[in-house]
Protein backbone atom coordinates (compact mmCIF):
# COMPACT_ATOMS: atom_id res chain seq x y z
CA UNK A 1 -3.26 -13.51 -1.04
CA UNK A 2 0.27 -12.07 -2.00
CA UNK A 3 -0.96 -12.15 -5.58
CA UNK A 4 -4.17 -10.46 -4.84
CA UNK A 5 -2.34 -7.71 -2.69
CA UNK A 6 0.17 -7.18 -5.67
CA UNK A 7 -2.54 -5.33 -7.48
CA UNK A 8 -3.86 -3.23 -4.57
CA UNK A 9 -1.89 -0.16 -5.93
CA UNK A 10 -3.45 -0.13 -9.26
CA UNK A 11 -5.83 2.73 -8.50
CA UNK A 12 -2.80 5.05 -8.19
CA UNK A 13 -0.41 3.40 -10.67
CA UNK A 14 -2.51 3.05 -13.69
CA UNK A 15 -3.95 6.64 -13.91
CA UNK A 16 -0.69 8.28 -13.44
CA UNK A 17 1.38 6.06 -15.74
CA UNK A 18 -1.55 6.38 -18.39
CA UNK A 19 -1.25 10.17 -18.23
CA UNK A 20 2.58 10.30 -18.61
CA UNK A 21 2.24 7.89 -21.60
CA UNK A 22 -0.77 9.44 -23.43
CA UNK A 23 -0.34 13.13 -22.63
CA UNK A 24 3.42 13.55 -22.28
CA UNK A 25 4.14 10.78 -24.74
CA UNK A 26 6.68 9.04 -22.87
CA UNK A 27 7.93 5.85 -23.94
CA UNK A 28 5.97 3.00 -22.32
CA UNK A 29 9.03 0.74 -22.14
CA UNK A 30 11.07 3.06 -19.95
CA UNK A 31 8.27 3.97 -17.58
CA UNK A 32 7.36 0.34 -16.95
CA UNK A 33 10.78 -1.06 -16.90
CA UNK A 34 11.82 1.47 -14.29
CA UNK A 35 8.78 0.62 -12.09
CA UNK A 36 9.24 -3.19 -12.51
CA UNK A 37 12.98 -3.11 -11.61
CA UNK A 38 12.47 -0.92 -8.62
CA UNK A 39 9.55 -2.78 -7.34
CA UNK A 40 11.58 -6.16 -7.56
CA UNK A 41 14.57 -4.72 -5.65
CA UNK A 42 12.52 -3.03 -3.07
CA UNK A 43 10.46 -6.30 -2.36
CA UNK A 44 13.44 -8.33 -2.02
CA UNK A 45 15.19 -5.74 0.18
CA UNK A 46 12.50 -4.57 2.45
CA UNK A 47 10.64 -7.84 2.76
CA UNK A 48 7.34 -5.96 3.39
CA UNK A 49 4.74 -4.56 0.94
CA UNK A 50 6.98 -1.57 0.64
CA UNK A 51 5.48 0.42 -2.32
CA UNK A 52 6.89 2.16 -5.42
CA UNK A 53 4.56 4.78 -6.74
CA UNK A 54 4.50 7.78 -9.08
CA UNK A 55 5.31 11.06 -7.45
CA UNK A 56 1.94 12.84 -7.57
CA UNK A 57 2.71 16.33 -7.46
CA UNK A 58 5.19 15.95 -10.43
CA UNK A 59 2.77 13.77 -12.25
CA UNK A 60 -0.03 16.37 -11.78
CA UNK A 61 1.96 19.34 -12.93
CA UNK A 62 3.56 17.40 -15.73
CA UNK A 63 0.27 16.51 -17.20
CA UNK A 64 -1.41 19.91 -16.71
CA UNK A 65 1.60 21.87 -18.17
CA UNK A 66 2.36 19.27 -20.80
CA UNK A 67 1.36 21.58 -23.74
CA UNK A 68 3.27 24.59 -22.60
CA UNK A 69 6.54 23.61 -21.13
CA UNK A 70 6.94 19.83 -20.02
CA UNK A 71 8.86 17.57 -22.25
CA UNK A 72 10.07 14.00 -21.58
CA UNK A 73 13.52 15.38 -21.16
CA UNK A 74 12.16 17.56 -18.36
CA UNK A 75 10.52 14.58 -16.73
CA UNK A 76 13.66 12.79 -16.74
CA UNK A 77 15.62 15.73 -15.38
CA UNK A 78 13.19 15.92 -12.53
CA UNK A 79 13.83 12.37 -11.63
CA UNK A 80 17.66 13.03 -11.86
CA UNK A 81 17.36 16.08 -9.45
CA UNK A 82 14.99 14.33 -7.08
CA UNK A 83 17.39 11.37 -6.86
CA UNK A 84 20.25 13.60 -5.91
CA UNK A 85 18.31 15.66 -3.49
CA UNK A 86 17.14 12.47 -1.59
CA UNK A 87 20.45 10.78 -1.75
CA UNK A 88 21.99 13.80 -0.08
CA UNK A 89 19.47 14.12 2.58
CA UNK A 90 19.64 10.44 3.30
CA UNK A 91 23.58 10.12 3.42
CA UNK A 92 23.94 13.45 5.52
CA UNK A 93 21.27 12.28 7.94
CA UNK A 94 19.30 15.41 7.38
CA UNK A 95 16.15 13.44 6.52
CA UNK A 96 16.09 11.77 9.92
CA UNK A 97 16.83 14.97 11.70
CA UNK A 98 13.98 16.83 9.99
CA UNK A 99 11.64 13.96 10.53
CA UNK A 100 12.29 13.88 14.22
CA UNK A 101 11.23 17.35 14.53
CA UNK A 102 7.51 16.61 13.27
CA UNK A 103 5.44 16.14 16.38
CA UNK A 104 3.29 12.89 16.69
CA UNK A 105 -0.19 14.66 16.22
CA UNK A 106 1.23 16.19 12.87
CA UNK A 107 2.34 12.79 11.67
CA UNK A 108 -0.96 11.24 12.50
CA UNK A 109 -2.68 14.09 10.75
CA UNK A 110 -0.69 13.60 7.53
CA UNK A 111 -1.56 9.85 7.42
CA UNK A 112 -5.35 10.51 8.12
CA UNK A 113 -5.38 13.30 5.57
CA UNK A 114 -3.83 11.25 2.92
CA UNK A 115 -6.37 8.32 3.54
CA UNK A 116 -9.19 10.72 3.20
CA UNK A 117 -7.58 12.46 0.09
CA UNK A 118 -7.41 9.13 -1.64
CA UNK A 119 -10.93 8.20 -0.77
CA UNK A 120 -12.03 11.58 -2.20
CA UNK A 121 -10.11 11.07 -5.40
CA UNK A 122 -11.75 7.70 -5.58
CA UNK A 123 -15.15 8.99 -5.44
CA UNK A 124 -14.38 11.21 -8.39
CA UNK A 125 -13.27 8.32 -10.41
CA UNK A 126 -16.28 6.23 -9.41
CA UNK A 127 -18.48 9.01 -10.61
CA UNK A 128 -17.70 8.02 -14.14
CA UNK A 129 -20.07 5.01 -13.69
CA UNK A 130 -21.94 4.56 -10.46
CA UNK A 131 -23.51 1.39 -11.48
CA UNK A 132 -20.05 -0.37 -12.18
CA UNK A 133 -18.50 1.17 -9.10
CA UNK A 134 -21.34 -0.09 -6.73
CA UNK A 135 -21.20 -3.61 -8.16
CA UNK A 136 -17.46 -3.67 -7.74
CA UNK A 137 -17.63 -2.16 -4.36
CA UNK A 138 -20.19 -4.50 -3.01
CA UNK A 139 -18.12 -7.58 -4.44
CA UNK A 140 -14.93 -6.18 -2.88
CA UNK A 141 -16.57 -5.81 0.61
CA UNK A 142 -18.10 -9.43 0.39
CA UNK A 143 -14.78 -10.94 -0.58
CA UNK A 144 -12.44 -8.78 1.27
CA UNK A 145 -11.46 -11.41 3.77
CA UNK A 146 -11.96 -14.33 1.42
CA UNK A 147 -8.78 -16.23 0.86
CA UNK A 148 -10.25 -18.82 -1.61
CA UNK A 149 -11.17 -16.13 -4.18
CA UNK A 150 -9.66 -12.72 -3.04
CA UNK A 151 -11.41 -9.58 -3.61
CA UNK A 152 -8.70 -8.20 -5.91
CA UNK A 153 -9.20 -11.14 -8.46
CA UNK A 154 -12.96 -10.36 -8.45
CA UNK A 155 -12.20 -6.75 -9.19
CA UNK A 156 -9.75 -7.53 -12.07
CA UNK A 157 -12.04 -9.94 -13.75
CA UNK A 158 -15.04 -7.67 -13.38
CA UNK A 159 -13.09 -4.79 -14.60
CA UNK A 160 -11.65 -6.42 -17.57
CA UNK A 161 -15.26 -7.72 -18.63
CA UNK A 162 -16.55 -4.26 -18.26
CA UNK A 163 -13.75 -2.75 -20.39
CA UNK A 164 -14.34 -5.28 -23.02
CA UNK A 165 -18.23 -4.76 -23.02
CA UNK A 166 -17.60 -0.98 -23.30
CA UNK A 167 -15.00 -1.41 -26.00
CA UNK A 168 -15.40 -4.61 -27.85
CA UNK A 169 -12.45 -3.72 -30.24
CA UNK A 170 -10.01 -4.05 -27.22
CA UNK A 171 -10.00 -7.75 -27.80
CA UNK A 172 -9.02 -7.46 -31.33
CA UNK A 173 -6.39 -4.88 -30.72
CA UNK A 174 -4.86 -7.01 -27.95
CA UNK A 175 -5.05 -10.15 -30.08
CA UNK A 176 -3.25 -8.34 -32.98
CA UNK A 177 -0.53 -7.05 -30.70
CA UNK A 178 3.07 -8.01 -31.60
CA UNK A 179 5.76 -9.33 -29.25
CA UNK A 180 9.15 -7.79 -29.41
CA UNK A 181 12.09 -7.80 -27.13
CA UNK A 182 13.32 -4.50 -25.95
CA UNK A 183 16.27 -3.50 -23.68
CA UNK A 184 16.83 -0.21 -21.87
CA UNK A 185 18.70 2.77 -23.38
CA UNK A 186 20.30 5.76 -21.64
CA UNK A 187 17.64 8.47 -21.49
CA UNK A 188 19.81 11.15 -20.33
CA UNK A 189 22.02 11.38 -23.23
CA UNK A 190 19.98 14.15 -24.91
CA UNK A 191 19.32 16.29 -21.72
CA UNK A 192 19.76 19.91 -22.26
CA UNK A 193 19.97 22.91 -19.74
CA UNK A 194 16.28 24.00 -20.53
CA UNK A 195 15.04 20.53 -19.67
CA UNK A 196 17.14 20.56 -16.41
CA UNK A 197 16.02 24.02 -15.52
CA UNK A 198 12.27 23.23 -16.05
CA UNK A 199 12.59 19.64 -14.42
CA UNK A 200 14.11 21.19 -11.31
CA UNK A 201 12.03 24.38 -10.80
CA UNK A 202 8.47 23.21 -12.00
CA UNK A 203 8.63 19.55 -10.97
CA UNK A 204 11.43 18.42 -8.55
CA UNK A 205 11.53 21.11 -6.02
CA UNK A 206 7.72 21.52 -5.41
CA UNK A 207 7.51 17.71 -4.78
CA UNK A 208 10.01 17.80 -1.93
CA UNK A 209 7.66 18.71 0.94
CA UNK A 210 4.94 16.29 -0.37
CA UNK A 211 7.67 13.44 -0.28
CA UNK A 212 8.90 14.25 3.08
CA UNK A 213 5.34 13.90 4.44
CA UNK A 214 3.86 11.16 2.33
CA UNK A 215 6.81 9.06 1.35
CA UNK A 216 9.14 9.55 4.33
CA UNK A 217 7.37 10.25 7.54
CA UNK A 218 4.18 8.45 6.91
CA UNK A 219 5.60 5.20 5.23
CA UNK A 220 7.95 4.78 8.06
CA UNK A 221 5.09 5.18 10.64
CA UNK A 222 2.80 2.85 8.49
CA UNK A 223 5.52 0.20 7.98
CA UNK A 224 6.89 0.00 11.44
CA UNK A 225 3.29 -0.21 12.95
CA UNK A 226 2.18 -2.80 10.54
CA UNK A 227 5.50 -4.87 10.31
CA UNK A 228 7.46 -4.31 13.51
CA UNK A 229 9.71 -7.27 12.75
CA UNK A 230 11.00 -5.17 9.66
CA UNK A 231 11.40 -1.57 10.74
CA UNK A 232 12.74 1.07 8.38
CA UNK A 233 14.45 4.42 9.16
CA UNK A 234 14.06 7.88 7.29
CA UNK A 235 17.63 7.52 6.14
CA UNK A 236 17.02 4.21 4.67
CA UNK A 237 13.91 5.29 2.86
CA UNK A 238 15.50 8.59 1.78
CA UNK A 239 18.51 6.72 0.16
CA UNK A 240 16.13 4.24 -1.39
CA UNK A 241 14.07 7.10 -2.97
CA UNK A 242 17.28 8.70 -4.21
CA UNK A 243 18.54 5.46 -5.87
CA UNK A 244 15.25 4.59 -7.51
CA UNK A 245 15.09 8.01 -9.18
CA UNK A 246 18.70 7.93 -10.31
CA UNK A 247 18.02 4.70 -11.97
CA UNK A 248 14.57 5.68 -13.32
CA UNK A 249 15.69 8.85 -15.13
CA UNK A 250 18.72 7.01 -16.64
CA UNK A 251 16.33 4.36 -18.24
CA UNK A 252 13.37 6.80 -19.34
CA UNK A 253 11.13 6.41 -16.15
CA UNK A 254 9.38 8.84 -14.20
CA UNK A 255 9.94 10.23 -10.66
CA UNK A 256 9.13 7.63 -7.88
CA UNK A 257 8.57 7.40 -4.27
CA UNK A 258 7.45 5.20 -1.54
CA UNK A 259 3.90 6.61 -0.88
CA UNK A 260 2.10 5.42 2.11
CA UNK A 261 -0.98 4.84 0.18
CA UNK A 262 0.66 2.22 -1.97
CA UNK A 263 1.35 0.01 1.20
CA UNK A 264 -2.34 0.56 2.40
CA UNK A 265 -3.46 -0.73 -0.87
CA UNK A 266 -1.19 -3.80 -0.97
CA UNK A 267 -2.12 -4.61 2.76
CA UNK A 268 -5.97 -4.04 2.13
CA UNK A 269 -6.02 -6.74 -0.49
CA UNK A 270 -4.17 -9.23 1.36
CA UNK A 271 -0.16 -8.64 0.97
CA UNK A 272 1.82 -9.31 4.01
CA UNK A 273 5.29 -9.61 2.69
CA UNK A 274 7.60 -8.27 -0.08
CA UNK A 275 6.43 -11.10 -2.35
CA UNK A 276 3.52 -8.82 -3.37
CA UNK A 277 5.74 -6.04 -4.79
CA UNK A 278 7.99 -8.64 -6.36
CA UNK A 279 4.93 -10.21 -8.25
CA UNK A 280 3.84 -6.90 -9.59
CA UNK A 281 7.41 -5.72 -10.49
CA UNK A 282 8.01 -8.95 -12.34
CA UNK A 283 4.85 -8.44 -14.27
CA UNK A 284 5.73 -4.86 -15.20
CA UNK A 285 9.17 -5.96 -16.45
CA UNK A 286 7.56 -8.70 -18.53
CA UNK A 287 5.05 -6.16 -19.92
CA UNK A 288 7.82 -3.67 -20.64
CA UNK A 289 10.37 -6.11 -22.36
CA UNK A 290 7.95 -8.01 -24.49
CA UNK A 291 4.54 -5.98 -24.74
CA UNK A 292 5.34 -2.24 -24.36
CA UNK A 293 3.76 -1.61 -27.61
CA UNK A 294 0.30 -2.61 -26.17
CA UNK A 295 0.42 -0.86 -22.81
CA UNK A 296 -2.30 1.61 -23.79
CA UNK A 297 -4.71 -1.16 -24.71
CA UNK A 298 -4.07 -3.11 -21.56
CA UNK A 299 -4.78 0.00 -19.37
CA UNK A 300 -8.07 0.66 -21.17
CA UNK A 301 -9.30 -2.89 -19.82
CA UNK A 302 -9.77 -1.36 -16.36
CA UNK A 303 -12.47 1.30 -16.12
CA UNK A 304 -11.92 4.22 -13.93
CA UNK A 305 -14.87 3.35 -11.82
CA UNK A 306 -13.23 0.03 -10.75
CA UNK A 307 -9.89 1.70 -10.22
CA UNK A 308 -11.77 4.09 -8.08
CA UNK A 309 -13.02 1.19 -5.90
CA UNK A 310 -9.54 -0.06 -5.33
CA UNK A 311 -8.11 3.42 -4.49
CA UNK A 312 -11.19 4.05 -2.15
CA UNK A 313 -10.34 0.84 -0.09
CA UNK A 314 -6.67 1.78 0.00
CA UNK A 315 -7.55 5.23 1.36
CA UNK A 316 -9.72 3.74 4.02
CA UNK A 317 -6.98 1.25 5.03
CA UNK A 318 -4.58 4.19 5.27
CA UNK A 319 -6.94 6.45 7.23
CA UNK A 320 -7.70 3.69 9.74
CA UNK A 321 -4.00 3.22 10.21
CA UNK A 322 -3.49 6.81 11.32
CA UNK A 323 -3.82 5.73 15.01
CA UNK A 324 -4.93 7.76 17.93
CA UNK A 325 -6.13 11.21 17.42
CA UNK A 326 -4.47 12.45 20.55
CA UNK A 327 -5.12 12.32 24.33
CA UNK A 328 -5.69 15.95 24.60
CA UNK A 329 -8.15 18.37 22.95
CA UNK A 330 -5.11 20.26 21.66
CA UNK A 331 -3.64 17.33 20.07
CA UNK A 332 -6.87 16.37 18.44
CA UNK A 333 -7.20 19.78 16.89
CA UNK A 334 -3.69 19.67 15.47
CA UNK A 335 -4.40 16.09 14.10
CA UNK A 336 -7.83 17.00 12.37
CA UNK A 337 -6.43 20.43 11.15
CA UNK A 338 -3.42 18.82 9.68
CA UNK A 339 -5.61 16.09 8.17
CA UNK A 340 -8.02 18.71 6.61
CA UNK A 341 -5.24 20.62 4.86
CA UNK A 342 -3.31 17.43 3.78
CA UNK A 343 -6.60 16.42 1.78
CA UNK A 344 -5.85 19.47 -0.28
CA UNK A 345 -2.13 19.74 -0.20
CA UNK A 346 0.28 17.66 2.02
CA UNK A 347 2.99 20.38 2.00
CA UNK A 348 0.49 23.06 3.21
CA UNK A 349 -0.81 20.61 5.81
CA UNK A 350 2.64 19.60 7.13
CA UNK A 351 3.30 23.46 7.54
CA UNK A 352 -0.01 24.34 9.18
CA UNK A 353 0.34 21.31 11.56
CA UNK A 354 3.76 22.34 12.72
CA UNK A 355 2.76 25.80 13.19
CA UNK A 356 -0.41 24.98 15.23
CA UNK A 357 1.59 22.60 17.44
CA UNK A 358 4.43 25.10 18.34
CA UNK A 359 1.85 28.09 18.85
CA UNK A 360 -0.22 25.92 21.20
CA UNK A 361 2.91 24.55 23.21
CA UNK A 362 4.08 28.24 23.56
CA UNK A 363 0.75 29.28 24.89
CA UNK A 364 0.24 31.75 21.87
CA UNK A 365 -2.96 29.78 20.75
CA UNK A 366 -5.45 28.13 22.98
CA UNK A 367 -6.95 24.86 21.37
């Protein structure tokens, strides 16, 4: 089940990593090496399915603006600045202080909104082929609790079969792939002031509120409820995020975080320990070191419709873990309003939820 759960985050990982590699032309080695190493360390350190994910706001902006302003150097700069910011927030204790100011209904709303956001994004991915998505979805539901043949293995086998059927030349391409050993290089050596400016203003700073909600507050709530024997703090997660990004930027990787959806994905397909993250991290390291030249072909094995099913189940797991909607009508309104805005933008949902909560508490707004 740990092996099955290891692949529960592919619905988020593959699309973002593929965009960085194909659109921004980042070296696949650096991207996968950074992910693999960070997953390996996090799995061993946290001992729960503690995820390592791409930072979504940075990834979206980078892909959309790639033609105009975003270069690989700007992505590395964004990781460097992100690392410094979260290390500073963690070591000073500011991350914990800010998190404690966030009311429980807002936290629940963030988690609920993220879950529904993942599910809606998954539906868009499944729209590419409803037949494939339907077959994959039924198989996943039937096998979700099966420990003999876990659902994730069925999805991976089915997805690979569909990928080969749709693109028969994939087999020949993979068979002809060469094996070569590569080692990391220092990616920040060529960084210039323009990259630093673009990476900071366009990429790193807009991501901070999203990371606070999804990768600090939400992941702490999720981890501590699912695994009370291995609790985490905002300070620990903040420092971890900072260290990951400093390392990733130095070896040519992308900005990373501990997104709550990642843990939901791992858990939905069976993961219960850090072993799942160690397994995925080790596989990514092997691919990076020996097969980085074949990464784009490997990704094409898994159709978007199948990845959408994986992402949908992860979103459902996350939404169900949001907890109570509140004991009062006012609390429920705050939860639902926060969730609704978080589906669109977590940073906006975070601000709206805080504002509604305090207006209601002061009697300025009747909910």
